[in-house]
C-alpha atoms as a PDB file:
ATOM      1  CA  MET A   1       4.990  -6.795  -5.189  1.00  0.00           C
ATOM      2  CA  LYS A   2       5.590  -3.092  -5.632  1.00  0.00           C
ATOM      3  CA  CYS A   3       4.014  -0.172  -3.700  1.00  0.00           C
ATOM      4  CA  LYS A   4       1.717   1.744  -5.829  1.00  0.00           C
ATOM      5  CA  ILE A   5       2.741   5.076  -4.322  1.00  0.00           C
ATOM      6  CA  CYS A   6       6.529   4.979  -4.393  1.00  0.00           C
ATOM      7  CA  GLY A   7       7.087   2.056  -6.717  1.00  0.00           C
ATOM      8  CA  GLU A   8       9.605   0.259  -4.179  1.00  0.00           C
ATOM      9  CA  LYS A   9       9.536  -3.523  -3.899  1.00  0.00           C
ATOM     10  CA  ILE A  10       7.645  -4.448  -0.587  1.00  0.00           C
ATOM     11  CA  ARG A  11       9.600  -6.869   1.572  1.00  0.00           C
ATOM     12  CA  THR A  12       7.785 -10.216   2.454  1.00  0.00           C
ATOM     13  CA  ILE A  13       7.957 -12.110   5.843  1.00  0.00           C
ATOM     14  CA  PHE A  14       6.931 -15.622   6.751  1.00  0.00           C
ATOM     15  CA  LEU A  15       4.172 -17.061   4.635  1.00  0.00           C
ATOM     16  CA  ASN A  16       4.553 -14.356   1.940  1.00  0.00           C
ATOM     17  CA  LYS A  17       2.822 -11.726   4.209  1.00  0.00           C
ATOM     18  CA  ILE A  18       3.859  -8.168   3.274  1.00  0.00           C
ATOM     19  CA  LEU A  19       5.164  -5.454   5.295  1.00  0.00           C
ATOM     20  CA  GLY A  20       2.398  -3.066   4.317  1.00  0.00           C
ATOM     21  CA  THR A  21      -1.165  -3.030   3.733  1.00  0.00           C
ATOM     22  CA  TYR A  22      -3.808  -3.912   1.167  1.00  0.00           C
ATOM     23  CA  ILE A  23      -6.480  -1.113   0.555  1.00  0.00           C
ATOM     24  CA  LYS A  24      -9.447  -1.564  -1.870  1.00  0.00           C
ATOM     25  CA  ASP A  25     -10.633   1.256  -3.973  1.00  0.00           C
ATOM     26  CA  LYS A  26     -14.173   2.051  -4.874  1.00  0.00           C
ATOM     27  CA  SER A  27     -14.208  -0.101  -8.003  1.00  0.00           C
ATOM     28  CA  GLY A  28     -12.773  -3.135  -6.081  1.00  0.00           C
ATOM     29  CA  LYS A  29      -9.180  -3.116  -7.233  1.00  0.00           C
ATOM     30  CA  VAL A  30      -6.592  -3.832  -4.508  1.00  0.00           C
ATOM     31  CA  VAL A  31      -3.969  -1.035  -3.844  1.00  0.00           C
ATOM     32  CA  VAL A  32      -0.734  -2.326  -2.093  1.00  0.00           C
ATOM     33  CA  VAL A  33       1.149   0.215  -0.126  1.00  0.00           C
ATOM     34  CA  CYS A  34       4.533  -0.331   1.784  1.00  0.00           C
ATOM     35  CA  SER A  35       4.642   0.450   5.388  1.00  0.00           C
ATOM     36  CA  SER A  36       6.801   3.652   4.965  1.00  0.00           C
ATOM     37  CA  CYS A  37       4.224   5.232   2.676  1.00  0.00           C
ATOM     38  CA  GLN A  38       1.617   4.356   5.215  1.00  0.00           C
ATOM     39  CA  LYS A  39       3.392   5.931   7.881  1.00  0.00           C
ATOM     40  CA  LYS A  40       4.292   9.150   5.793  1.00  0.00           C
ATOM     41  CA  LEU A  41       0.556   9.347   4.630  1.00  0.00           C
ATOM     42  CA  GLY A  42      -1.076   8.356   7.965  1.00  0.00           C
ATOM     43  CA  ASN A  43      -3.952   5.825   8.103  1.00  0.00           C
ATOM     44  CA  ASP A  44      -6.345   7.998   6.024  1.00  0.00           C
ATOM     45  CA  ARG A  45      -7.626   5.715   3.432  1.00  0.00           C
ATOM     46  CA  GLU A  46      -8.809   8.508   1.138  1.00  0.00           C
ATOM     47  CA  LYS A  47      -5.463  10.194   1.287  1.00  0.00           C
ATOM     48  CA  ILE A  48      -3.628   6.939   0.341  1.00  0.00           C
ATOM     49  CA  LEU A  49      -6.080   6.218  -2.513  1.00  0.00           C
ATOM     50  CA  SER A  50      -5.461   9.714  -4.040  1.00  0.00           C
ATOM     51  CA  GLU A  51      -1.716   9.247  -3.978  1.00  0.00           C
ATOM     52  CA  ALA A  52      -1.897   5.899  -5.507  1.00  0.00           C
ATOM     53  CA  LYS A  53      -0.685   5.805  -9.278  1.00  0.00           C
END
């Protein structure tokens, strides 16, 4: 999986859990964000969705 903001590959851990987060936009599509982008943008959902490609 790749981060929708920076495009880097997201690392997975045990049982294919990602080191990041899943966020749903208004249309119901899932946006995958890595942990470094999440730290950089904070936990503001709207800011993360506006930065996603």
